[in-house]
Amino acid sequence: MYERHPSGRPVRRVISVIERIAGIVLGLVTILIVASAIGRYGFARPVPDAFDLSRLVLGVAVAWGLASVAWHGTHIKVDLLAQALSPRARTAVNGFAWFVLLVFTALLVWKIGERTLAAMSGGDATMDLRLPHWPFFGAIWLGTVAAFFATAVRLWRIVRFGSDLGEFDGIDEQLLKDQTVGERNNER
């Protein structure tokens, strides 16, 4: 179950918006790919720039999804060492690991920001529709900025409150429990 901290509500609202953006963009890329496949194989008319658009929009979805993963800590992790340590040492190891992730994310923000500026001045565009690349790169950059924010807040919570990644490990069990309770209430 989620831990309750004073910092929770506004941050959870921001994370909720980030997750919605990631989900919507992922849905859009899925629709684009399906529409292009139907057009190409069913009507011999693919969606113009479907390849370019799908890879650019998928990049946007990945960047915004990275922010969600950064908040929930649901990325792949091996915590064999951390689980063998005392709670204080575990907090230190988690804090160090999240600091490394924060530095990596900051570098990602910097490099993607540079790539966005280069695309703006370079005039990169898609093949068929000549859509500029820079708005997509800008959306990817905003996603990495959101990932930096989520990672920084997660690091702050680890340092300030001693939060652990384990707070999200049991979320599936909690969801199943809530669903079972809801089904029982509907039967009555």
N, C-alpha and C. Protein backbone atom coordinates (compact mmCIF):
# COMPACT_ATOMS: atom_id res chain seq x y z
N MET A 1 0.84 -1.16 0.00
CA MET A 1 0.00 0.00 0.00
C MET A 1 0.89 1.23 0.00
N TYR A 2 0.41 2.32 -0.56
CA TYR A 2 1.17 3.55 -0.62
C TYR A 2 1.44 4.10 0.76
N GLU A 3 2.64 4.65 0.94
CA GLU A 3 2.93 5.37 2.16
C GLU A 3 2.31 6.75 2.05
N ARG A 4 1.91 7.29 3.18
CA ARG A 4 1.33 8.63 3.20
C ARG A 4 2.37 9.60 3.74
N HIS A 5 2.70 10.61 2.98
CA HIS A 5 3.64 11.63 3.40
C HIS A 5 2.99 12.98 3.15
N PRO A 6 3.45 14.02 3.85
CA PRO A 6 2.90 15.36 3.62
C PRO A 6 3.07 15.83 2.18
N SER A 7 4.09 15.33 1.50
CA SER A 7 4.34 15.78 0.13
C SER A 7 3.43 15.11 -0.88
N GLY A 8 2.57 14.21 -0.43
CA GLY A 8 1.87 13.31 -1.31
C GLY A 8 0.89 13.88 -2.30
N ARG A 9 -0.06 14.66 -1.87
CA ARG A 9 -1.17 15.01 -2.77
C ARG A 9 -0.77 15.78 -4.02
N PRO A 10 -0.07 16.91 -3.90
CA PRO A 10 0.28 17.64 -5.14
C PRO A 10 1.17 16.82 -6.06
N VAL A 11 2.10 16.09 -5.48
CA VAL A 11 3.00 15.27 -6.29
C VAL A 11 2.22 14.17 -6.99
N ARG A 12 1.30 13.53 -6.28
CA ARG A 12 0.49 12.47 -6.90
C ARG A 12 -0.36 13.02 -8.05
N ARG A 13 -0.83 14.25 -7.92
CA ARG A 13 -1.60 14.85 -9.02
C ARG A 13 -0.72 15.05 -10.24
N VAL A 14 0.49 15.55 -10.02
CA VAL A 14 1.42 15.75 -11.14
C VAL A 14 1.76 14.40 -11.77
N ILE A 15 2.04 13.40 -10.96
CA ILE A 15 2.36 12.07 -11.48
C ILE A 15 1.17 11.50 -12.24
N SER A 16 -0.02 11.75 -11.75
CA SER A 16 -1.22 11.27 -12.45
C SER A 16 -1.32 11.90 -13.84
N VAL A 17 -1.03 13.18 -13.95
CA VAL A 17 -1.04 13.85 -15.25
C VAL A 17 0.04 13.25 -16.16
N ILE A 18 1.23 13.03 -15.59
CA ILE A 18 2.33 12.43 -16.37
C ILE A 18 1.91 11.06 -16.89
N GLU A 19 1.30 10.25 -16.03
CA GLU A 19 0.88 8.91 -16.46
C GLU A 19 -0.20 8.97 -17.52
N ARG A 20 -1.10 9.92 -17.41
CA ARG A 20 -2.15 10.06 -18.43
C ARG A 20 -1.55 10.45 -19.77
N ILE A 21 -0.60 11.37 -19.75
CA ILE A 21 0.07 11.77 -21.00
C ILE A 21 0.75 10.56 -21.63
N ALA A 22 1.49 9.79 -20.82
CA ALA A 22 2.17 8.60 -21.35
C ALA A 22 1.17 7.62 -21.94
N GLY A 23 0.07 7.39 -21.25
CA GLY A 23 -0.94 6.45 -21.74
C GLY A 23 -1.61 6.92 -23.01
N ILE A 24 -1.95 8.18 -23.08
CA ILE A 24 -2.60 8.73 -24.28
C ILE A 24 -1.67 8.64 -25.48
N VAL A 25 -0.41 9.02 -25.28
CA VAL A 25 0.54 8.98 -26.39
C VAL A 25 0.78 7.55 -26.84
N LEU A 26 0.88 6.62 -25.90
CA LEU A 26 1.04 5.21 -26.28
C LEU A 26 -0.18 4.72 -27.05
N GLY A 27 -1.37 5.14 -26.64
CA GLY A 27 -2.58 4.79 -27.38
C GLY A 27 -2.56 5.36 -28.79
N LEU A 28 -2.08 6.60 -28.93
CA LEU A 28 -2.01 7.22 -30.25
C LEU A 28 -1.05 6.47 -31.18
N VAL A 29 0.10 6.08 -30.66
CA VAL A 29 1.05 5.35 -31.52
C VAL A 29 0.47 3.99 -31.90
N THR A 30 -0.26 3.37 -31.00
CA THR A 30 -0.90 2.09 -31.32
C THR A 30 -1.93 2.26 -32.43
N ILE A 31 -2.76 3.27 -32.31
CA ILE A 31 -3.77 3.55 -33.34
C ILE A 31 -3.11 3.83 -34.68
N LEU A 32 -2.03 4.62 -34.66
CA LEU A 32 -1.32 4.96 -35.89
C LEU A 32 -0.76 3.70 -36.57
N ILE A 33 -0.16 2.83 -35.79
CA ILE A 33 0.44 1.62 -36.36
C ILE A 33 -0.65 0.69 -36.92
N VAL A 34 -1.74 0.53 -36.19
CA VAL A 34 -2.83 -0.33 -36.65
C VAL A 34 -3.47 0.26 -37.92
N ALA A 35 -3.71 1.57 -37.91
CA ALA A 35 -4.31 2.21 -39.09
C ALA A 35 -3.39 2.09 -40.30
N SER A 36 -2.09 2.23 -40.09
CA SER A 36 -1.15 2.10 -41.19
C SER A 36 -1.13 0.67 -41.73
N ALA A 37 -1.15 -0.31 -40.84
CA ALA A 37 -1.15 -1.71 -41.28
C ALA A 37 -2.42 -2.04 -42.05
N ILE A 38 -3.56 -1.58 -41.56
CA ILE A 38 -4.83 -1.82 -42.27
C ILE A 38 -4.80 -1.13 -43.63
N GLY A 39 -4.32 0.11 -43.66
CA GLY A 39 -4.25 0.84 -44.93
C GLY A 39 -3.30 0.19 -45.91
N ARG A 40 -2.15 -0.25 -45.41
CA ARG A 40 -1.14 -0.84 -46.29
C ARG A 40 -1.59 -2.19 -46.84
N TYR A 41 -2.08 -3.07 -45.96
CA TYR A 41 -2.41 -4.44 -46.39
C TYR A 41 -3.84 -4.58 -46.87
N GLY A 42 -4.74 -3.76 -46.37
CA GLY A 42 -6.14 -3.89 -46.77
C GLY A 42 -6.50 -3.07 -47.99
N PHE A 43 -5.87 -1.90 -48.14
CA PHE A 43 -6.26 -0.98 -49.21
C PHE A 43 -5.09 -0.52 -50.06
N ALA A 44 -3.90 -1.07 -49.82
CA ALA A 44 -2.69 -0.69 -50.56
C ALA A 44 -2.43 0.82 -50.47
N ARG A 45 -2.83 1.43 -49.37
CA ARG A 45 -2.62 2.85 -49.14
C ARG A 45 -2.19 3.07 -47.68
N PRO A 46 -0.90 3.02 -47.40
CA PRO A 46 -0.46 3.23 -46.03
C PRO A 46 -0.66 4.69 -45.60
N VAL A 47 -0.70 4.91 -44.33
CA VAL A 47 -0.79 6.27 -43.80
C VAL A 47 0.53 6.97 -44.13
N PRO A 48 0.46 8.17 -44.72
CA PRO A 48 1.71 8.88 -45.05
C PRO A 48 2.54 9.12 -43.78
N ASP A 49 3.83 8.92 -43.89
CA ASP A 49 4.79 9.13 -42.80
C ASP A 49 4.51 8.27 -41.58
N ALA A 50 3.83 7.15 -41.76
CA ALA A 50 3.49 6.30 -40.61
C ALA A 50 4.75 5.82 -39.89
N PHE A 51 5.79 5.47 -40.63
CA PHE A 51 7.01 4.99 -39.99
C PHE A 51 7.66 6.10 -39.16
N ASP A 52 7.87 7.25 -39.78
CA ASP A 52 8.50 8.37 -39.06
C ASP A 52 7.66 8.80 -37.87
N LEU A 53 6.35 8.96 -38.10
CA LEU A 53 5.48 9.40 -37.01
C LEU A 53 5.43 8.39 -35.87
N SER A 54 5.37 7.10 -36.23
CA SER A 54 5.27 6.09 -35.16
C SER A 54 6.54 6.06 -34.33
N ARG A 55 7.71 6.19 -34.93
CA ARG A 55 8.94 6.17 -34.13
C ARG A 55 9.08 7.44 -33.31
N LEU A 56 8.66 8.58 -33.84
CA LEU A 56 8.74 9.82 -33.08
C LEU A 56 7.75 9.82 -31.91
N VAL A 57 6.52 9.39 -32.17
CA VAL A 57 5.51 9.36 -31.11
C VAL A 57 5.85 8.28 -30.08
N LEU A 58 6.43 7.18 -30.53
CA LEU A 58 6.86 6.16 -29.58
C LEU A 58 7.96 6.71 -28.66
N GLY A 59 8.85 7.52 -29.20
CA GLY A 59 9.86 8.18 -28.38
C GLY A 59 9.24 9.06 -27.32
N VAL A 60 8.18 9.76 -27.69
CA VAL A 60 7.45 10.60 -26.72
C VAL A 60 6.85 9.72 -25.63
N ALA A 61 6.22 8.62 -26.02
CA ALA A 61 5.60 7.71 -25.04
C ALA A 61 6.65 7.14 -24.09
N VAL A 62 7.80 6.75 -24.62
CA VAL A 62 8.86 6.19 -23.78
C VAL A 62 9.37 7.24 -22.79
N ALA A 63 9.58 8.45 -23.24
CA ALA A 63 10.09 9.50 -22.36
C ALA A 63 9.12 9.79 -21.22
N TRP A 64 7.84 9.91 -21.54
CA TRP A 64 6.84 10.17 -20.50
C TRP A 64 6.64 8.94 -19.62
N GLY A 65 6.76 7.74 -20.20
CA GLY A 65 6.68 6.52 -19.41
C GLY A 65 7.84 6.41 -18.45
N LEU A 66 9.01 6.90 -18.85
CA LEU A 66 10.18 6.91 -17.98
C LEU A 66 9.89 7.71 -16.71
N ALA A 67 9.13 8.78 -16.83
CA ALA A 67 8.77 9.57 -15.66
C ALA A 67 7.91 8.76 -14.70
N SER A 68 6.97 8.00 -15.23
CA SER A 68 6.12 7.16 -14.39
C SER A 68 6.93 6.07 -13.70
N VAL A 69 7.82 5.45 -14.46
CA VAL A 69 8.68 4.41 -13.90
C VAL A 69 9.58 5.00 -12.82
N ALA A 70 10.08 6.21 -13.06
CA ALA A 70 10.95 6.85 -12.07
C ALA A 70 10.20 7.10 -10.76
N TRP A 71 8.96 7.46 -10.85
CA TRP A 71 8.19 7.72 -9.63
C TRP A 71 7.88 6.42 -8.87
N HIS A 72 7.41 5.43 -9.59
CA HIS A 72 6.97 4.20 -8.94
C HIS A 72 8.12 3.24 -8.63
N GLY A 73 9.27 3.46 -9.25
CA GLY A 73 10.39 2.56 -9.01
C GLY A 73 10.14 1.18 -9.58
N THR A 74 9.36 1.10 -10.66
CA THR A 74 9.00 -0.19 -11.23
C THR A 74 9.96 -0.62 -12.34
N HIS A 75 11.09 0.06 -12.44
CA HIS A 75 12.10 -0.38 -13.39
C HIS A 75 12.75 -1.65 -12.84
N ILE A 76 13.49 -2.31 -13.67
CA ILE A 76 14.15 -3.55 -13.26
C ILE A 76 15.17 -3.21 -12.19
N LYS A 77 15.10 -3.92 -11.08
CA LYS A 77 16.05 -3.68 -10.01
C LYS A 77 16.42 -5.01 -9.37
N VAL A 78 17.66 -5.08 -8.92
CA VAL A 78 18.14 -6.26 -8.22
C VAL A 78 18.53 -5.76 -6.83
N ASP A 79 17.73 -6.12 -5.86
CA ASP A 79 17.97 -5.58 -4.52
C ASP A 79 18.40 -6.66 -3.53
N LEU A 80 19.10 -7.68 -4.03
CA LEU A 80 19.58 -8.73 -3.15
C LEU A 80 20.49 -8.16 -2.07
N LEU A 81 21.41 -7.29 -2.47
CA LEU A 81 22.32 -6.68 -1.52
C LEU A 81 21.56 -5.79 -0.54
N ALA A 82 20.68 -4.96 -1.07
CA ALA A 82 19.96 -4.02 -0.21
C ALA A 82 19.08 -4.74 0.81
N GLN A 83 18.46 -5.83 0.44
CA GLN A 83 17.59 -6.54 1.37
C GLN A 83 18.36 -7.21 2.51
N ALA A 84 19.65 -7.46 2.30
CA ALA A 84 20.47 -8.07 3.34
C ALA A 84 21.01 -7.05 4.34
N LEU A 85 20.81 -5.77 4.08
CA LEU A 85 21.34 -4.71 4.93
C LEU A 85 20.33 -4.26 5.98
N SER A 86 20.83 -3.52 6.93
CA SER A 86 19.95 -2.92 7.93
C SER A 86 19.10 -1.83 7.26
N PRO A 87 17.98 -1.44 7.86
CA PRO A 87 17.14 -0.40 7.25
C PRO A 87 17.89 0.90 6.95
N ARG A 88 18.77 1.31 7.84
CA ARG A 88 19.52 2.56 7.62
C ARG A 88 20.48 2.41 6.44
N ALA A 89 21.19 1.28 6.38
CA ALA A 89 22.11 1.03 5.27
C ALA A 89 21.34 0.87 3.96
N ARG A 90 20.17 0.22 4.02
CA ARG A 90 19.34 0.06 2.83
C ARG A 90 18.90 1.41 2.29
N THR A 91 18.54 2.32 3.19
CA THR A 91 18.16 3.68 2.78
C THR A 91 19.34 4.37 2.10
N ALA A 92 20.54 4.18 2.63
CA ALA A 92 21.73 4.78 2.02
C ALA A 92 21.99 4.21 0.62
N VAL A 93 21.86 2.90 0.48
CA VAL A 93 22.06 2.27 -0.84
C VAL A 93 20.99 2.75 -1.82
N ASN A 94 19.74 2.79 -1.39
CA ASN A 94 18.66 3.28 -2.26
C ASN A 94 18.90 4.74 -2.63
N GLY A 95 19.31 5.55 -1.66
CA GLY A 95 19.59 6.96 -1.94
C GLY A 95 20.70 7.12 -2.96
N PHE A 96 21.76 6.32 -2.83
CA PHE A 96 22.86 6.38 -3.79
C PHE A 96 22.39 5.95 -5.18
N ALA A 97 21.63 4.86 -5.24
CA ALA A 97 21.14 4.37 -6.53
C ALA A 97 20.25 5.41 -7.20
N TRP A 98 19.37 6.03 -6.44
CA TRP A 98 18.49 7.05 -7.00
C TRP A 98 19.26 8.31 -7.38
N PHE A 99 20.34 8.61 -6.66
CA PHE A 99 21.18 9.75 -7.04
C PHE A 99 21.84 9.48 -8.39
N VAL A 100 22.35 8.27 -8.59
CA VAL A 100 22.94 7.91 -9.88
C VAL A 100 21.90 8.03 -10.99
N LEU A 101 20.68 7.55 -10.73
CA LEU A 101 19.60 7.67 -11.72
C LEU A 101 19.28 9.14 -11.99
N LEU A 102 19.30 9.97 -10.96
CA LEU A 102 19.04 11.41 -11.12
C LEU A 102 20.10 12.05 -12.02
N VAL A 103 21.36 11.69 -11.80
CA VAL A 103 22.45 12.24 -12.63
C VAL A 103 22.27 11.78 -14.08
N PHE A 104 21.97 10.50 -14.28
CA PHE A 104 21.73 9.98 -15.63
C PHE A 104 20.57 10.72 -16.30
N THR A 105 19.49 10.93 -15.55
CA THR A 105 18.32 11.62 -16.10
C THR A 105 18.65 13.07 -16.44
N ALA A 106 19.45 13.72 -15.60
CA ALA A 106 19.87 15.10 -15.89
C ALA A 106 20.69 15.15 -17.18
N LEU A 107 21.57 14.19 -17.37
CA LEU A 107 22.35 14.13 -18.61
C LEU A 107 21.45 13.88 -19.82
N LEU A 108 20.45 13.04 -19.63
CA LEU A 108 19.49 12.77 -20.70
C LEU A 108 18.71 14.04 -21.07
N VAL A 109 18.28 14.79 -20.06
CA VAL A 109 17.58 16.06 -20.31
C VAL A 109 18.47 17.00 -21.10
N TRP A 110 19.72 17.10 -20.70
CA TRP A 110 20.67 18.00 -21.36
C TRP A 110 20.88 17.61 -22.82
N LYS A 111 21.17 16.32 -23.08
CA LYS A 111 21.46 15.88 -24.44
C LYS A 111 20.23 15.95 -25.35
N ILE A 112 19.08 15.59 -24.83
CA ILE A 112 17.87 15.66 -25.66
C ILE A 112 17.49 17.12 -25.90
N GLY A 113 17.76 17.98 -24.92
CA GLY A 113 17.55 19.42 -25.14
C GLY A 113 18.42 19.94 -26.26
N GLU A 114 19.69 19.52 -26.28
CA GLU A 114 20.59 19.91 -27.36
C GLU A 114 20.09 19.39 -28.71
N ARG A 115 19.63 18.15 -28.73
CA ARG A 115 19.12 17.56 -29.98
C ARG A 115 17.88 18.29 -30.47
N THR A 116 17.04 18.71 -29.53
CA THR A 116 15.85 19.48 -29.90
C THR A 116 16.24 20.80 -30.55
N LEU A 117 17.19 21.51 -29.96
CA LEU A 117 17.65 22.78 -30.53
C LEU A 117 18.29 22.56 -31.91
N ALA A 118 19.05 21.46 -32.05
CA ALA A 118 19.66 21.16 -33.34
C ALA A 118 18.60 20.88 -34.40
N ALA A 119 17.55 20.17 -34.01
CA ALA A 119 16.48 19.86 -34.97
C ALA A 119 15.73 21.13 -35.36
N MET A 120 15.59 22.05 -34.41
CA MET A 120 14.91 23.32 -34.72
C MET A 120 15.69 24.12 -35.75
N SER A 121 17.00 24.18 -35.58
CA SER A 121 17.81 24.98 -36.51
C SER A 121 18.16 24.21 -37.78
N GLY A 122 18.12 22.88 -37.73
CA GLY A 122 18.51 22.07 -38.88
C GLY A 122 17.41 21.82 -39.87
N GLY A 123 16.17 22.01 -39.49
CA GLY A 123 15.07 21.80 -40.41
C GLY A 123 14.74 20.35 -40.68
N ASP A 124 15.07 19.44 -39.75
CA ASP A 124 14.72 18.03 -39.93
C ASP A 124 13.21 17.89 -40.07
N ALA A 125 12.78 17.04 -41.03
CA ALA A 125 11.36 16.86 -41.28
C ALA A 125 11.09 15.43 -41.75
N THR A 126 9.83 15.03 -41.67
CA THR A 126 9.44 13.70 -42.14
C THR A 126 9.48 13.68 -43.67
N MET A 127 9.46 12.49 -44.24
CA MET A 127 9.64 12.35 -45.69
C MET A 127 8.42 12.81 -46.51
N ASP A 128 7.24 12.32 -46.16
CA ASP A 128 6.07 12.58 -46.99
C ASP A 128 5.40 13.92 -46.70
N LEU A 129 5.07 14.13 -45.46
CA LEU A 129 4.30 15.32 -45.09
C LEU A 129 5.18 16.52 -44.72
N ARG A 130 6.48 16.29 -44.62
CA ARG A 130 7.44 17.33 -44.27
C ARG A 130 7.11 17.99 -42.92
N LEU A 131 6.65 17.15 -41.97
CA LEU A 131 6.40 17.64 -40.62
C LEU A 131 7.73 17.80 -39.91
N PRO A 132 7.93 18.92 -39.24
CA PRO A 132 9.22 19.12 -38.55
C PRO A 132 9.37 18.15 -37.38
N HIS A 133 10.60 17.71 -37.14
CA HIS A 133 10.89 16.78 -36.04
C HIS A 133 10.92 17.47 -34.69
N TRP A 134 11.27 18.75 -34.67
CA TRP A 134 11.53 19.39 -33.38
C TRP A 134 10.35 19.39 -32.41
N PRO A 135 9.08 19.47 -32.84
CA PRO A 135 8.02 19.39 -31.83
C PRO A 135 7.99 18.03 -31.11
N PHE A 136 8.30 16.98 -31.83
CA PHE A 136 8.35 15.64 -31.23
C PHE A 136 9.54 15.56 -30.26
N PHE A 137 10.69 16.08 -30.70
CA PHE A 137 11.85 16.10 -29.81
C PHE A 137 11.57 16.97 -28.59
N GLY A 138 10.84 18.04 -28.78
CA GLY A 138 10.46 18.89 -27.65
C GLY A 138 9.58 18.14 -26.66
N ALA A 139 8.65 17.34 -27.18
CA ALA A 139 7.78 16.55 -26.30
C ALA A 139 8.59 15.47 -25.59
N ILE A 140 9.57 14.90 -26.28
CA ILE A 140 10.46 13.92 -25.64
C ILE A 140 11.26 14.62 -24.54
N TRP A 141 11.76 15.81 -24.82
CA TRP A 141 12.52 16.56 -23.83
C TRP A 141 11.65 16.87 -22.61
N LEU A 142 10.40 17.28 -22.83
CA LEU A 142 9.50 17.54 -21.70
C LEU A 142 9.27 16.27 -20.88
N GLY A 143 9.19 15.13 -21.56
CA GLY A 143 9.05 13.86 -20.84
C GLY A 143 10.25 13.56 -19.98
N THR A 144 11.45 13.86 -20.49
CA THR A 144 12.65 13.63 -19.67
C THR A 144 12.73 14.63 -18.53
N VAL A 145 12.23 15.84 -18.73
CA VAL A 145 12.16 16.81 -17.63
C VAL A 145 11.20 16.28 -16.56
N ALA A 146 10.09 15.72 -16.98
CA ALA A 146 9.14 15.11 -16.02
C ALA A 146 9.81 13.94 -15.30
N ALA A 147 10.61 13.15 -16.02
CA ALA A 147 11.33 12.03 -15.39
C ALA A 147 12.34 12.55 -14.38
N PHE A 148 13.00 13.66 -14.69
CA PHE A 148 13.94 14.26 -13.75
C PHE A 148 13.20 14.71 -12.49
N PHE A 149 12.05 15.35 -12.67
CA PHE A 149 11.24 15.78 -11.53
C PHE A 149 10.83 14.58 -10.68
N ALA A 150 10.32 13.54 -11.31
CA ALA A 150 9.86 12.36 -10.56
C ALA A 150 11.02 11.69 -9.83
N THR A 151 12.18 11.60 -10.47
CA THR A 151 13.34 10.99 -9.83
C THR A 151 13.82 11.84 -8.67
N ALA A 152 13.83 13.16 -8.84
CA ALA A 152 14.27 14.05 -7.77
C ALA A 152 13.34 13.96 -6.56
N VAL A 153 12.03 13.92 -6.80
CA VAL A 153 11.08 13.80 -5.70
C VAL A 153 11.22 12.45 -5.01
N ARG A 154 11.41 11.40 -5.78
CA ARG A 154 11.61 10.07 -5.19
C ARG A 154 12.88 10.06 -4.34
N LEU A 155 13.97 10.66 -4.83
CA LEU A 155 15.21 10.73 -4.06
C LEU A 155 14.99 11.54 -2.78
N TRP A 156 14.29 12.64 -2.89
CA TRP A 156 14.01 13.46 -1.71
C TRP A 156 13.22 12.66 -0.68
N ARG A 157 12.24 11.90 -1.13
CA ARG A 157 11.45 11.09 -0.20
C ARG A 157 12.28 10.00 0.46
N ILE A 158 13.23 9.43 -0.28
CA ILE A 158 14.11 8.42 0.31
C ILE A 158 14.97 9.06 1.39
N VAL A 159 15.55 10.21 1.09
CA VAL A 159 16.43 10.88 2.05
C VAL A 159 15.63 11.44 3.23
N ARG A 160 14.51 12.07 2.96
CA ARG A 160 13.75 12.76 4.01
C ARG A 160 12.94 11.80 4.88
N PHE A 161 12.26 10.85 4.25
CA PHE A 161 11.34 9.98 4.99
C PHE A 161 11.83 8.54 5.10
N GLY A 162 12.94 8.22 4.46
CA GLY A 162 13.41 6.84 4.49
C GLY A 162 12.54 5.91 3.67
N SER A 163 11.83 6.46 2.67
CA SER A 163 10.97 5.63 1.82
C SER A 163 11.80 4.56 1.15
N ASP A 164 11.16 3.47 0.86
CA ASP A 164 11.83 2.36 0.22
C ASP A 164 11.05 2.00 -1.02
N LEU A 165 11.70 1.31 -1.94
CA LEU A 165 10.99 0.88 -3.15
C LEU A 165 9.92 -0.14 -2.83
N GLY A 166 10.00 -0.76 -1.66
CA GLY A 166 9.03 -1.77 -1.29
C GLY A 166 7.62 -1.24 -1.14
N GLU A 167 7.47 0.08 -1.04
CA GLU A 167 6.13 0.63 -0.88
C GLU A 167 5.24 0.38 -2.09
N PHE A 168 5.85 0.14 -3.27
CA PHE A 168 5.07 -0.12 -4.46
C PHE A 168 5.06 -1.60 -4.84
N ASP A 169 5.84 -2.42 -4.15
CA ASP A 169 5.93 -3.83 -4.53
C ASP A 169 4.61 -4.57 -4.36
N GLY A 170 3.81 -4.20 -3.38
CA GLY A 170 2.56 -4.90 -3.12
C GLY A 170 1.35 -4.28 -3.76
N ILE A 171 1.55 -3.40 -4.74
CA ILE A 171 0.41 -2.69 -5.32
C ILE A 171 -0.55 -3.63 -6.04
N ASP A 172 -0.02 -4.66 -6.71
CA ASP A 172 -0.89 -5.60 -7.41
C ASP A 172 -1.79 -6.34 -6.44
N GLU A 173 -1.24 -6.76 -5.29
CA GLU A 173 -2.04 -7.45 -4.29
C GLU A 173 -3.13 -6.52 -3.75
N GLN A 174 -2.78 -5.25 -3.54
CA GLN A 174 -3.77 -4.28 -3.03
C GLN A 174 -4.88 -4.06 -4.05
N LEU A 175 -4.51 -3.96 -5.33
CA LEU A 175 -5.52 -3.78 -6.37
C LEU A 175 -6.46 -4.98 -6.44
N LEU A 176 -5.91 -6.18 -6.35
CA LEU A 176 -6.74 -7.38 -6.36
C LEU A 176 -7.66 -7.41 -5.14
N LYS A 177 -7.15 -7.03 -4.01
CA LYS A 177 -7.96 -6.98 -2.79
C LYS A 177 -9.10 -5.98 -2.94
N ASP A 178 -8.79 -4.79 -3.46
CA ASP A 178 -9.83 -3.78 -3.67
C ASP A 178 -10.87 -4.27 -4.67
N GLN A 179 -10.42 -4.96 -5.73
CA GLN A 179 -11.35 -5.47 -6.73
C GLN A 179 -12.27 -6.53 -6.13
N THR A 180 -11.72 -7.41 -5.31
CA THR A 180 -12.52 -8.45 -4.67
C THR A 180 -13.57 -7.85 -3.75
N VAL A 181 -13.18 -6.83 -2.98
CA VAL A 181 -14.12 -6.15 -2.09
C VAL A 181 -15.22 -5.48 -2.91
N GLY A 182 -14.85 -4.87 -4.04
CA GLY A 182 -15.84 -4.23 -4.90
C GLY A 182 -16.82 -5.21 -5.50
N GLU A 183 -16.31 -6.39 -5.90
CA GLU A 183 -17.20 -7.42 -6.45
C GLU A 183 -18.17 -7.94 -5.41
N ARG A 184 -17.69 -8.09 -4.18
CA ARG A 184 -18.57 -8.55 -3.10
C ARG A 184 -19.66 -7.53 -2.84
N ASN A 185 -19.32 -6.26 -2.88
CA ASN A 185 -20.32 -5.22 -2.65
C ASN A 185 -21.35 -5.19 -3.77
N ASN A 186 -20.93 -5.49 -5.00
CA ASN A 186 -21.87 -5.50 -6.14
C ASN A 186 -22.82 -6.69 -6.08
N GLU A 187 -22.38 -7.78 -5.46
CA GLU A 187 -23.24 -8.97 -5.36
C GLU A 187 -24.39 -8.75 -4.37
N ARG A 188 -24.22 -7.86 -3.44
CA ARG A 188 -25.24 -7.64 -2.41
C ARG A 188 -26.37 -6.80 -2.89
